[in-house]
Protein backbone atom coordinates (compact mmCIF):
# COMPACT_ATOMS: atom_id res chain seq x y z
CA MET A 1 7.50 -18.53 -21.90
CA ILE A 2 7.13 -15.65 -19.41
CA ASP A 3 9.57 -12.76 -19.70
CA PHE A 4 9.97 -12.15 -15.95
CA LEU A 5 9.18 -14.49 -13.08
CA VAL A 6 9.31 -12.65 -9.74
CA ILE A 7 9.71 -14.82 -6.64
CA GLY A 8 8.36 -13.16 -3.49
CA GLY A 9 5.14 -11.27 -2.84
CA GLY A 10 6.21 -8.59 -0.38
CA VAL A 11 6.46 -4.92 -1.27
CA ALA A 12 9.74 -5.62 -3.10
CA GLY A 13 8.27 -8.32 -5.31
CA ILE A 14 5.03 -6.45 -5.96
CA GLY A 15 6.91 -3.25 -6.85
CA ALA A 16 9.35 -5.12 -9.07
CA ALA A 17 6.58 -6.97 -10.89
CA ALA A 18 4.48 -3.84 -11.47
CA HIS A 19 7.44 -1.93 -12.92
CA LEU A 20 8.84 -4.81 -15.01
CA ALA A 21 5.40 -5.25 -16.57
CA GLU A 22 6.30 -2.17 -18.62
CA LEU A 23 8.98 -4.30 -20.30
CA GLY A 24 7.26 -7.66 -20.84
CA SER A 25 5.09 -10.41 -19.42
CA VAL A 26 5.33 -10.94 -15.64
CA LEU A 27 4.29 -13.65 -13.21
CA LEU A 28 4.75 -13.17 -9.45
CA LEU A 29 4.87 -16.22 -7.18
CA GLU A 30 4.25 -16.05 -3.42
CA ARG A 31 4.64 -19.07 -1.11
CA GLU A 32 2.02 -17.92 1.43
CA ASP A 33 -1.76 -17.61 1.16
CA ALA A 34 -1.63 -13.84 0.65
CA LEU A 35 0.74 -11.16 -0.60
CA GLY A 36 2.67 -9.13 1.99
CA PHE A 37 2.43 -11.87 4.61
CA HIS A 38 5.87 -11.64 6.26
CA ALA A 39 8.03 -8.50 6.63
CA SER A 40 5.79 -6.26 4.50
CA GLY A 41 2.72 -7.06 6.56
CA ARG A 42 4.51 -6.35 9.86
CA SER A 43 6.28 -3.10 9.05
CA ALA A 44 6.45 -0.01 11.27
CA ALA A 45 5.32 1.83 8.10
CA MET A 46 7.49 4.92 8.52
CA PHE A 47 9.08 7.16 5.92
CA GLU A 48 12.28 8.63 7.33
CA GLU A 49 14.60 9.53 4.47
CA ASP A 50 17.62 10.06 6.75
CA TYR A 51 17.35 6.54 8.19
CA GLY A 52 19.69 3.88 6.88
CA PRO A 53 23.00 3.47 5.01
CA GLY A 54 23.97 5.81 2.17
CA PRO A 55 22.38 3.93 -0.75
CA ILE A 56 19.12 3.57 1.19
CA LYS A 57 19.07 7.29 1.95
CA ALA A 58 19.58 8.01 -1.76
CA LEU A 59 16.73 5.69 -2.74
CA SER A 60 14.46 7.01 0.01
CA GLN A 61 15.09 10.60 -1.00
CA ALA A 62 14.38 9.67 -4.62
CA SER A 63 11.12 8.01 -3.48
CA ARG A 64 9.65 11.04 -1.72
CA ALA A 65 8.13 12.64 -4.82
CA PHE A 66 6.21 9.46 -5.64
CA PHE A 67 4.88 9.14 -2.11
CA VAL A 68 3.76 12.76 -2.00
CA THR A 69 2.31 12.93 -5.54
CA PRO A 70 1.62 9.36 -6.64
CA GLY A 71 -0.50 10.28 -9.65
CA ALA A 72 -3.35 12.36 -11.00
CA ALA A 73 -6.16 12.90 -8.49
CA ARG A 74 -4.48 10.67 -5.89
CA ASP A 75 -3.74 11.68 -2.32
CA SER A 76 -0.29 11.35 -0.80
CA TYR A 77 0.70 8.00 0.67
CA LEU A 78 2.22 9.94 3.58
CA SER A 79 0.62 11.43 6.69
CA PRO A 80 2.26 13.55 9.42
CA ARG A 81 3.97 11.79 12.32
CA GLY A 82 7.32 13.27 13.32
CA LEU A 83 10.20 11.67 15.19
CA MET A 84 11.43 12.38 18.73
CA LEU A 85 14.62 11.08 20.30
CA VAL A 86 14.87 10.97 24.09
CA ALA A 87 17.92 10.23 26.21
CA ARG A 88 19.09 9.89 29.81
CA ALA A 89 21.75 12.15 31.31
CA ASP A 90 24.43 9.46 30.86
CA GLN A 91 23.64 9.06 27.14
CA ARG A 92 24.84 12.45 25.87
CA ALA A 93 27.49 11.05 23.51
CA GLY A 94 25.09 8.61 21.89
CA PHE A 95 22.41 11.28 21.74
CA GLU A 96 24.70 13.63 19.82
CA ALA A 97 25.68 10.86 17.40
CA ASP A 98 22.01 10.18 16.69
CA LEU A 99 21.35 13.90 16.15
CA ALA A 100 23.87 13.92 13.32
CA GLU A 101 22.79 10.57 11.85
CA LEU A 102 19.09 11.36 11.76
CA ASP A 103 19.33 15.14 11.13
CA LEU A 104 17.44 15.96 14.33
CA GLN A 105 17.32 19.27 16.19
CA GLU A 106 17.71 19.31 19.96
CA ILE A 107 14.67 20.71 21.75
CA PRO A 108 14.02 21.66 25.41
CA VAL A 109 12.85 18.75 27.51
CA SER A 110 9.86 20.89 28.52
CA GLU A 111 8.79 21.00 24.87
CA ALA A 112 9.10 17.22 24.60
CA LEU A 113 6.99 16.78 27.75
CA ALA A 114 4.33 19.13 26.42
CA ARG A 115 4.00 17.11 23.24
CA VAL A 116 4.22 13.65 24.86
CA PRO A 117 2.89 14.05 28.42
CA ILE A 118 3.83 10.53 29.57
CA LEU A 119 7.58 11.24 29.28
CA ASN A 120 9.29 11.08 32.66
CA PRO A 121 11.03 14.38 33.59
CA ASP A 122 13.23 12.48 36.05
CA SER A 123 14.61 10.25 33.27
CA VAL A 124 14.55 12.35 30.10
CA ALA A 125 17.55 14.66 30.19
CA PHE A 126 17.80 15.40 26.45
CA ALA A 127 15.34 15.43 23.58
CA ALA A 128 15.46 16.12 19.87
CA ALA A 129 12.91 16.05 17.07
CA HIS A 130 12.01 16.77 13.51
CA GLU A 131 8.74 16.71 11.62
CA THR A 132 9.86 15.16 8.31
CA ALA A 133 9.21 11.58 9.45
CA THR A 134 5.81 10.42 8.23
CA ASP A 135 3.56 7.38 8.22
CA ILE A 136 3.24 5.41 4.97
CA ASP A 137 -0.08 3.92 3.90
CA THR A 138 1.55 0.57 3.19
CA ASP A 139 -1.65 -1.37 2.52
CA ARG A 140 -2.70 1.12 -0.12
CA LEU A 141 0.73 1.12 -1.75
CA MET A 142 0.80 -2.67 -2.12
CA GLY A 143 -2.80 -2.70 -3.29
CA ASP A 144 -2.16 -0.01 -5.89
CA TRP A 145 0.92 -1.77 -7.25
CA THR A 146 -0.90 -5.11 -7.39
CA LYS A 147 -3.69 -3.44 -9.36
CA LEU A 148 -1.14 -1.75 -11.66
CA LEU A 149 0.55 -5.10 -12.30
CA ARG A 150 -2.74 -6.64 -13.38
CA GLN A 151 -3.62 -3.62 -15.53
CA ARG A 152 -0.33 -4.15 -17.35
CA GLY A 153 -1.15 -7.79 -17.99
CA GLY A 154 0.83 -9.31 -15.14
CA GLU A 155 -0.36 -12.08 -12.84
CA THR A 156 0.10 -13.05 -9.19
CA ARG A 157 -0.21 -16.54 -7.76
CA THR A 158 -0.19 -17.36 -4.07
CA ARG A 159 0.39 -20.74 -2.38
CA GLN A 160 3.27 -21.31 -4.78
CA GLU A 161 6.28 -22.36 -2.72
CA VAL A 162 9.23 -22.82 -5.06
CA THR A 163 10.76 -26.29 -4.78
CA ALA A 164 13.21 -26.44 -7.71
CA ILE A 165 14.79 -24.17 -10.32
CA THR A 166 16.43 -25.53 -13.47
CA ARG A 167 18.51 -23.69 -16.05
CA LEU A 168 17.20 -23.97 -19.63
CA ASP A 169 18.80 -22.89 -22.89
CA ALA A 170 16.37 -19.97 -23.16
CA GLY A 171 15.86 -19.22 -19.48
CA TRP A 172 14.57 -21.08 -16.43
CA ARG A 173 12.07 -23.67 -15.27
CA VAL A 174 10.66 -22.92 -11.82
CA GLU A 175 8.74 -25.69 -10.07
CA THR A 176 6.39 -25.26 -7.14
CA ARG A 177 4.50 -27.81 -5.09
CA SER A 178 1.59 -27.63 -7.52
CA ASP A 179 2.84 -26.29 -10.86
CA SER A 180 5.75 -25.54 -13.17
CA PHE A 181 6.61 -22.33 -15.04
CA GLU A 182 9.17 -21.26 -17.62
CA ALA A 183 10.63 -17.78 -17.76
CA ARG A 184 13.40 -15.95 -19.57
CA GLN A 185 14.53 -14.14 -16.43
CA ILE A 186 14.09 -14.59 -12.68
CA VAL A 187 13.87 -11.78 -10.11
CA ASN A 188 14.79 -12.98 -6.64
CA ALA A 189 12.65 -10.86 -4.30
CA ALA A 190 12.23 -13.64 -1.76
CA GLY A 191 13.29 -11.64 1.31
CA ALA A 192 14.44 -13.95 4.10
CA TRP A 193 14.47 -16.85 1.62
CA ALA A 194 16.58 -15.05 -1.03
CA ASP A 195 19.74 -17.13 -0.53
CA ILE A 196 17.70 -20.34 -0.60
CA ILE A 197 16.18 -19.35 -3.94
CA ALA A 198 19.63 -18.49 -5.29
CA GLU A 199 21.05 -21.86 -4.30
CA MET A 200 18.13 -23.64 -6.00
CA ALA A 201 19.11 -21.81 -9.21
CA GLY A 202 22.77 -22.74 -8.88
CA VAL A 203 23.64 -19.14 -7.95
CA ALA A 204 26.12 -18.40 -5.17
CA PRO A 205 24.37 -16.97 -2.09
CA VAL A 206 25.43 -13.53 -0.89
CA GLY A 207 24.80 -14.04 2.83
CA ILE A 208 21.29 -12.65 3.31
CA GLN A 209 20.52 -12.91 7.04
CA PRO A 210 16.98 -12.62 8.40
CA ARG A 211 16.77 -10.79 11.72
CA ARG A 212 13.76 -10.84 14.01
CA ARG A 213 12.06 -7.64 15.14
CA SER A 214 9.39 -7.89 17.86
CA ILE A 215 6.43 -5.59 18.49
CA ALA A 216 3.98 -5.24 21.36
CA GLN A 217 0.67 -3.41 21.00
CA LEU A 218 -0.37 -1.51 24.12
CA PRO A 219 -3.55 0.36 24.95
CA ALA A 220 -3.13 4.12 24.73
CA PRO A 221 -1.17 4.88 27.93
CA GLY A 222 -3.14 6.68 30.61
CA GLY A 223 -6.10 6.99 28.29
CA HIS A 224 -4.33 9.70 26.27
CA ASP A 225 -5.17 10.48 22.68
CA VAL A 226 -1.91 9.39 21.04
CA SER A 227 -2.87 10.23 17.46
CA ASP A 228 -0.70 13.37 17.28
CA TRP A 229 2.28 11.99 19.16
CA PRO A 230 5.53 11.52 17.22
CA MET A 231 7.33 8.25 16.96
CA LEU A 232 9.55 8.00 20.06
CA MET A 233 13.00 6.48 19.96
CA GLY A 234 15.71 5.67 22.47
CA VAL A 235 19.39 6.36 21.84
CA HIS A 236 20.88 4.13 19.16
CA GLU A 237 17.36 2.79 18.57
CA ALA A 238 17.41 0.75 21.79
CA TRP A 239 13.60 0.87 21.63
CA TYR A 240 10.87 2.78 19.82
CA ALA A 241 7.20 3.53 20.33
CA LYS A 242 4.81 4.48 17.53
CA PRO A 243 1.14 5.48 17.69
CA GLN A 244 -1.10 3.48 15.42
CA ALA A 245 -4.90 3.36 15.25
CA GLY A 246 -5.30 4.75 18.77
CA LYS A 247 -2.84 2.27 20.26
CA LEU A 248 0.88 2.40 20.98
CA LEU A 249 3.26 -0.02 19.30
CA VAL A 250 6.44 -0.57 21.31
CA SER A 251 9.44 -2.47 20.00
CA PRO A 252 12.73 -3.45 21.63
CA ALA A 253 14.24 -2.83 18.17
CA ASP A 254 15.75 -6.30 18.33
CA ALA A 255 17.72 -7.73 15.43
CA GLU A 256 18.26 -11.35 16.44
CA PRO A 257 19.61 -13.55 13.58
CA VAL A 258 17.13 -16.35 12.86
CA PRO A 259 16.51 -18.83 10.03
CA PRO A 260 13.84 -17.91 7.44
CA GLN A 261 10.52 -18.53 9.16
CA ASP A 262 7.13 -17.19 10.16
CA ALA A 263 8.58 -15.17 13.03
CA TRP A 264 7.09 -14.79 16.49
CA ALA A 265 7.93 -12.41 19.33
CA ASP A 266 10.31 -13.60 22.04
CA ASP A 267 8.71 -12.85 25.42
CA MET A 268 12.02 -12.13 27.17
CA VAL A 269 13.24 -9.81 24.42
CA LEU A 270 9.91 -7.97 24.50
CA ALA A 271 10.08 -7.63 28.29
CA GLU A 272 13.59 -6.16 28.10
CA GLY A 273 12.54 -3.67 25.44
CA LEU A 274 9.43 -2.66 27.33
CA ALA A 275 11.57 -2.07 30.42
CA ARG A 276 13.79 0.32 28.44
CA TYR A 277 10.67 2.14 27.26
CA GLU A 278 9.14 2.23 30.76
CA GLU A 279 12.31 3.82 32.13
CA MET A 280 11.55 6.93 30.07
CA VAL A 281 7.83 7.30 30.80
CA THR A 282 5.57 7.73 33.81
CA THR A 283 2.89 5.23 32.76
CA PRO A 284 3.85 1.61 33.45
CA VAL A 285 2.97 -1.18 31.04
CA THR A 286 0.17 -3.16 32.68
CA ARG A 287 -1.26 -5.00 29.69
CA LEU A 288 -0.20 -6.16 26.24
CA GLU A 289 -3.09 -6.39 23.80
CA THR A 290 -1.10 -8.48 21.36
CA SER A 291 2.43 -9.04 20.11
CA TRP A 292 4.11 -10.27 16.96
CA ALA A 293 7.42 -10.26 15.10
CA GLY A 294 8.65 -9.78 11.56
CA LEU A 295 11.85 -10.49 9.69
CA ARG A 296 14.17 -7.79 8.39
CA SER A 297 16.72 -9.33 6.05
CA PHE A 298 20.22 -7.89 5.58
CA ALA A 299 23.23 -8.51 3.38
CA PRO A 300 26.54 -8.78 5.28
CA ASP A 301 27.33 -5.08 4.78
CA GLY A 302 23.79 -3.92 5.62
CA VAL A 303 23.19 -2.60 2.09
CA PRO A 304 20.54 -4.14 -0.21
CA VAL A 305 21.54 -6.35 -3.13
CA PHE A 306 20.03 -5.06 -6.37
CA GLY A 307 21.13 -6.08 -9.84
CA ALA A 308 22.16 -8.86 -12.18
CA ASP A 309 24.05 -11.80 -10.76
CA PRO A 310 27.59 -11.48 -12.13
CA ARG A 311 27.95 -15.19 -12.87
CA GLN A 312 24.49 -16.36 -13.91
CA SER A 313 22.74 -14.46 -16.69
CA GLY A 314 19.02 -13.91 -16.38
CA PHE A 315 19.06 -14.00 -12.56
CA TRP A 316 18.38 -10.69 -10.81
CA TRP A 317 18.87 -9.96 -7.12
CA TYR A 318 16.33 -7.72 -5.39
CA ALA A 319 16.80 -8.52 -1.73
CA GLY A 320 18.31 -7.44 1.58
CA GLN A 321 16.20 -4.31 2.08
CA GLY A 322 16.46 -4.68 5.85
CA GLY A 323 14.06 -2.35 7.66
CA TYR A 324 14.03 0.15 4.81
CA GLY A 325 11.96 -1.65 2.18
CA PHE A 326 8.85 0.51 2.15
CA GLN A 327 10.53 3.90 2.45
CA SER A 328 12.82 3.16 -0.52
CA ALA A 329 10.42 1.01 -2.55
CA PRO A 330 9.38 3.42 -5.35
CA ALA A 331 12.93 4.39 -6.37
CA SER A 332 14.17 0.83 -5.80
CA ALA A 333 11.57 -0.58 -8.18
CA ARG A 334 12.45 2.04 -10.80
CA LEU A 335 16.14 1.21 -10.36
CA LEU A 336 15.54 -2.49 -10.98
CA ARG A 337 13.42 -1.73 -14.05
CA ASP A 338 16.10 0.57 -15.45
CA LEU A 339 18.88 -1.94 -14.84
CA VAL A 340 16.90 -4.69 -16.57
CA ALA A 341 16.10 -2.37 -19.49
CA GLY A 342 19.70 -1.18 -19.80
CA ARG A 343 18.79 2.41 -18.96
CA THR A 344 20.82 4.88 -16.92
CA PRO A 345 19.40 4.85 -13.36
CA GLU A 346 18.27 8.06 -11.67
CA ILE A 347 20.55 7.64 -8.66
CA ASP A 348 24.29 8.21 -8.69
CA ALA A 349 26.47 5.53 -10.34
CA ASP A 350 28.48 5.07 -7.14
CA MET A 351 25.28 4.23 -5.26
CA VAL A 352 24.24 1.77 -7.98
CA ALA A 353 27.64 0.08 -7.68
CA ALA A 354 27.28 -0.08 -3.87
CA LEU A 355 24.01 -2.00 -4.33
CA SER A 356 25.29 -4.40 -6.98
CA PRO A 357 25.77 -8.12 -6.20
CA GLU A 358 29.16 -7.82 -7.92
CA ARG A 359 30.57 -6.54 -4.63
CA PHE A 360 30.39 -10.10 -3.26
CA THR A 361 32.48 -11.67 -6.04
């Protein structure tokens, strides 16, 4: 019998499995053909430790040291990017609220235009920035944790969609379309499918809601070299634009509730978001190279659900990371490991309580 069966092969599941392998035998099951297929494979890949609710900020701040110094002779997972907020003249109140929320410093519009020359001086009335936001090498992180899991004796299996979960005297039987496994404990890291997995196990769902986020990839506007541009954001995250591999990714920052699925971009939502972006720049969007969407899954209060189910022993929640999964992943995985092992977590007890599934009982 396996000690820990982790359901879900995104960054949450991979991180959980790699860390729990310190405590016992681990098997990770993923329903798709590859790990990181859904939300983790479609992330904006940003580390912004002031982004998100309080518990996420605490976990993100506790994750920074790992990202910067991941181990002996290893380079940082982070690379410089920066964040810039731009606003119209009629958005001053929202602009000031975002300054406080994201710990940004207001800068002259002329400075913003010098750094991002496509910004429209007729539209941009206010700007703010900071340099602490960075890109995360997400592919490398997931690859390193998958390798660490295997080094610690753990195993991953793809194409293993869970179809049934049965309580046993000593643990659980988990059935897939092609196999059956027995484990002492289950870790529910199934992302958008987390409530479905819980219900299979006879565990009360907590209300995890997948929300679609769409992305369009544009050619570098006006032929500019965008590599040193910061991530751009509209007030209250009405849109954002992020350089990546010589292109510009633009998102309407949508959060449409949808059922668990392989998400796709909504053309109308994309068009509305691109229009909000175009309002602030001088270079119109003439061509989309490609577009896609991912799912960001949230608990009802917007805070992740980490910890033991209060009613069903041996069932651990590790879900609801929303759009903050990568930036908080190292400390989140350590938190789960410490909770399972009965150790005192590194983050404040009040934050641990805020993350606990007990808040839904």
